[in-house]
Amino acid sequence: MPIARVTRRVHFCAGHRVYNSDLDDEQNRSIYGACSNPHGHGHNYELEVTVEGEIDPQVGYVMDLRRLKGLLEDEVLADLDHANLNVDVEWLADVVPTTENLAVAIWNRLAGRIDGARLASVRLWETERNSAEYRGG
């Protein structure tokens, strides 16, 4: 059977402060600049989740994207949308909320929950010019 990849894109809005609590304010400002503003800032994130697998000859899908949409809504968006990533999201506790770390954390939320296909990548767009991609491992 042919192997194909399919991608679902979703959107969420969230605020955060990028800082490492092990560092003082001056060190955080030096590393993260304006992103370490003590009052935080926000983004309109775009999340792309790609799965891969054999195309089911009976239905023609790798995975029904409605199932993937539901999984993203339940496991990711319900926690992240309109949240303060530093304080509102239990599964991000003690994580510096960079785009890279968020992509890995989202992968970890989804890994093992996708039936009939394999999670291939998580790409998180923080701005229209900046994104991070994680492919596991």
Protein backbone atom coordinates (compact mmCIF):
# COMPACT_ATOMS: atom_id res chain seq x y z
CA MET A 1 0.00 0.00 0.00
CA PRO A 2 1.20 3.54 -0.68
CA ILE A 3 2.43 5.61 2.26
CA ALA A 4 1.17 9.19 2.45
CA ARG A 5 1.26 12.11 4.85
CA VAL A 6 -1.70 14.27 5.79
CA THR A 7 -1.64 17.49 7.78
CA ARG A 8 -4.20 19.27 9.91
CA ARG A 9 -3.71 22.97 10.66
CA VAL A 10 -5.32 24.65 13.68
CA HIS A 11 -5.06 28.05 15.27
CA PHE A 12 -4.85 29.23 18.86
CA CYS A 13 -4.07 32.44 20.73
CA ALA A 14 -1.93 32.38 23.84
CA GLY A 15 0.26 34.60 25.96
CA HIS A 16 3.55 33.85 27.64
CA ARG A 17 6.74 35.21 29.08
CA VAL A 18 9.89 33.55 27.79
CA TYR A 19 12.22 33.26 30.74
CA ASN A 20 14.17 30.74 32.74
CA SER A 21 13.40 30.88 36.46
CA ASP A 22 16.95 29.70 37.22
CA LEU A 23 18.28 33.00 35.82
CA ASP A 24 17.90 36.53 37.15
CA ASP A 25 15.95 39.23 35.28
CA GLU A 26 19.08 40.72 33.71
CA GLN A 27 20.20 37.35 32.34
CA ASN A 28 16.72 36.64 31.00
CA ARG A 29 16.57 40.04 29.28
CA SER A 30 20.02 39.42 27.80
CA ILE A 31 18.97 36.05 26.37
CA TYR A 32 15.31 36.57 25.46
CA GLY A 33 15.10 40.34 24.96
CA ALA A 34 11.59 41.79 24.78
CA CYS A 35 10.12 38.27 24.92
CA SER A 36 11.08 38.23 28.60
CA ASN A 37 8.86 41.21 29.45
CA PRO A 38 7.62 40.52 33.01
CA HIS A 39 4.04 41.21 31.88
CA GLY A 40 4.32 38.81 28.95
CA HIS A 41 3.14 39.09 25.39
CA GLY A 42 0.94 37.06 23.05
CA HIS A 43 0.87 35.26 19.73
CA ASN A 44 -1.65 33.99 17.24
CA TYR A 45 -0.14 30.54 16.78
CA GLU A 46 -0.66 28.22 13.82
CA LEU A 47 -0.14 24.53 14.55
CA GLU A 48 0.37 21.92 11.83
CA VAL A 49 0.28 18.27 12.80
CA THR A 50 1.27 15.72 10.18
CA VAL A 51 0.59 12.00 10.36
CA GLU A 52 1.71 9.31 7.95
CA GLY A 53 0.75 5.80 7.12
CA GLU A 54 -0.67 3.47 4.54
CA ILE A 55 -3.67 4.68 2.62
CA ASP A 56 -6.61 2.49 3.60
CA PRO A 57 -7.80 1.00 0.30
CA GLN A 58 -11.40 0.87 1.46
CA VAL A 59 -11.82 4.51 2.53
CA GLY A 60 -8.85 6.18 0.79
CA TYR A 61 -7.57 7.85 3.98
CA VAL A 62 -4.37 7.61 5.97
CA MET A 63 -6.47 8.91 8.86
CA ASP A 64 -9.84 10.58 9.00
CA LEU A 65 -8.90 14.23 9.57
CA ARG A 66 -12.05 14.70 11.65
CA ARG A 67 -10.51 12.32 14.22
CA LEU A 68 -7.25 14.27 14.14
CA LYS A 69 -9.17 17.54 14.53
CA GLY A 70 -10.99 16.14 17.58
CA LEU A 71 -7.75 14.92 19.11
CA LEU A 72 -6.13 18.33 18.65
CA GLU A 73 -9.14 20.07 20.15
CA ASP A 74 -9.24 17.76 23.19
CA GLU A 75 -5.52 17.28 23.91
CA VAL A 76 -4.01 20.60 22.81
CA LEU A 77 -6.38 23.46 22.05
CA ALA A 78 -8.58 22.99 25.11
CA ASP A 79 -5.53 23.78 27.26
CA LEU A 80 -3.62 26.28 25.11
CA ASP A 81 -6.19 28.54 23.46
CA HIS A 82 -6.47 31.89 25.28
CA ALA A 83 -4.17 30.65 28.04
CA ASN A 84 -1.13 32.05 29.77
CA LEU A 85 1.36 29.31 28.90
CA ASN A 86 3.46 30.02 31.99
CA VAL A 87 0.70 29.54 34.55
CA ASP A 88 -2.45 28.00 33.02
CA VAL A 89 -1.14 24.84 31.36
CA GLU A 90 -0.19 22.05 33.76
CA TRP A 91 1.72 20.06 31.13
CA LEU A 92 3.99 23.07 30.48
CA ALA A 93 5.00 23.49 34.11
CA ASP A 94 8.74 24.13 34.39
CA VAL A 95 9.08 24.47 30.59
CA VAL A 96 10.59 27.62 29.09
CA PRO A 97 7.76 28.32 26.62
CA THR A 98 9.81 28.85 23.47
CA THR A 99 8.33 27.75 20.17
CA GLU A 100 10.75 24.81 20.09
CA ASN A 101 9.75 23.60 23.55
CA LEU A 102 6.06 24.06 22.77
CA ALA A 103 6.40 21.92 19.63
CA VAL A 104 8.04 19.14 21.66
CA ALA A 105 5.40 19.38 24.41
CA ILE A 106 2.58 19.19 21.86
CA TRP A 107 4.24 16.16 20.26
CA ASN A 108 4.38 14.50 23.68
CA ARG A 109 0.66 15.21 24.20
CA LEU A 110 -0.19 13.52 20.89
CA ALA A 111 2.32 10.65 20.81
CA GLY A 112 0.63 7.31 21.32
CA ARG A 113 -2.85 8.76 20.82
CA ILE A 114 -3.03 8.46 17.03
CA ASP A 115 -4.62 5.18 15.98
CA GLY A 116 -3.85 3.71 12.57
CA ALA A 117 -1.18 6.25 11.62
CA ARG A 118 2.16 7.51 12.88
CA LEU A 119 2.79 11.02 14.16
CA ALA A 120 5.30 12.43 11.66
CA SER A 121 5.77 16.08 12.66
CA VAL A 122 4.54 18.98 14.71
CA ARG A 123 5.21 22.43 13.26
CA LEU A 124 4.30 25.46 15.35
CA TRP A 125 4.22 28.91 13.78
CA GLU A 126 4.72 31.67 16.35
CA THR A 127 4.63 34.39 13.68
CA GLU A 128 4.27 34.28 9.93
CA ARG A 129 8.08 34.24 9.72
CA ASN A 130 9.08 32.05 12.69
CA SER A 131 8.27 28.41 13.25
CA ALA A 132 9.71 25.34 14.92
CA GLU A 133 9.26 21.75 13.77
CA TYR A 134 9.69 18.60 15.82
CA ARG A 135 9.73 15.10 14.36
CA GLY A 136 10.27 13.07 17.51
CA GLY A 137 13.27 11.45 18.87
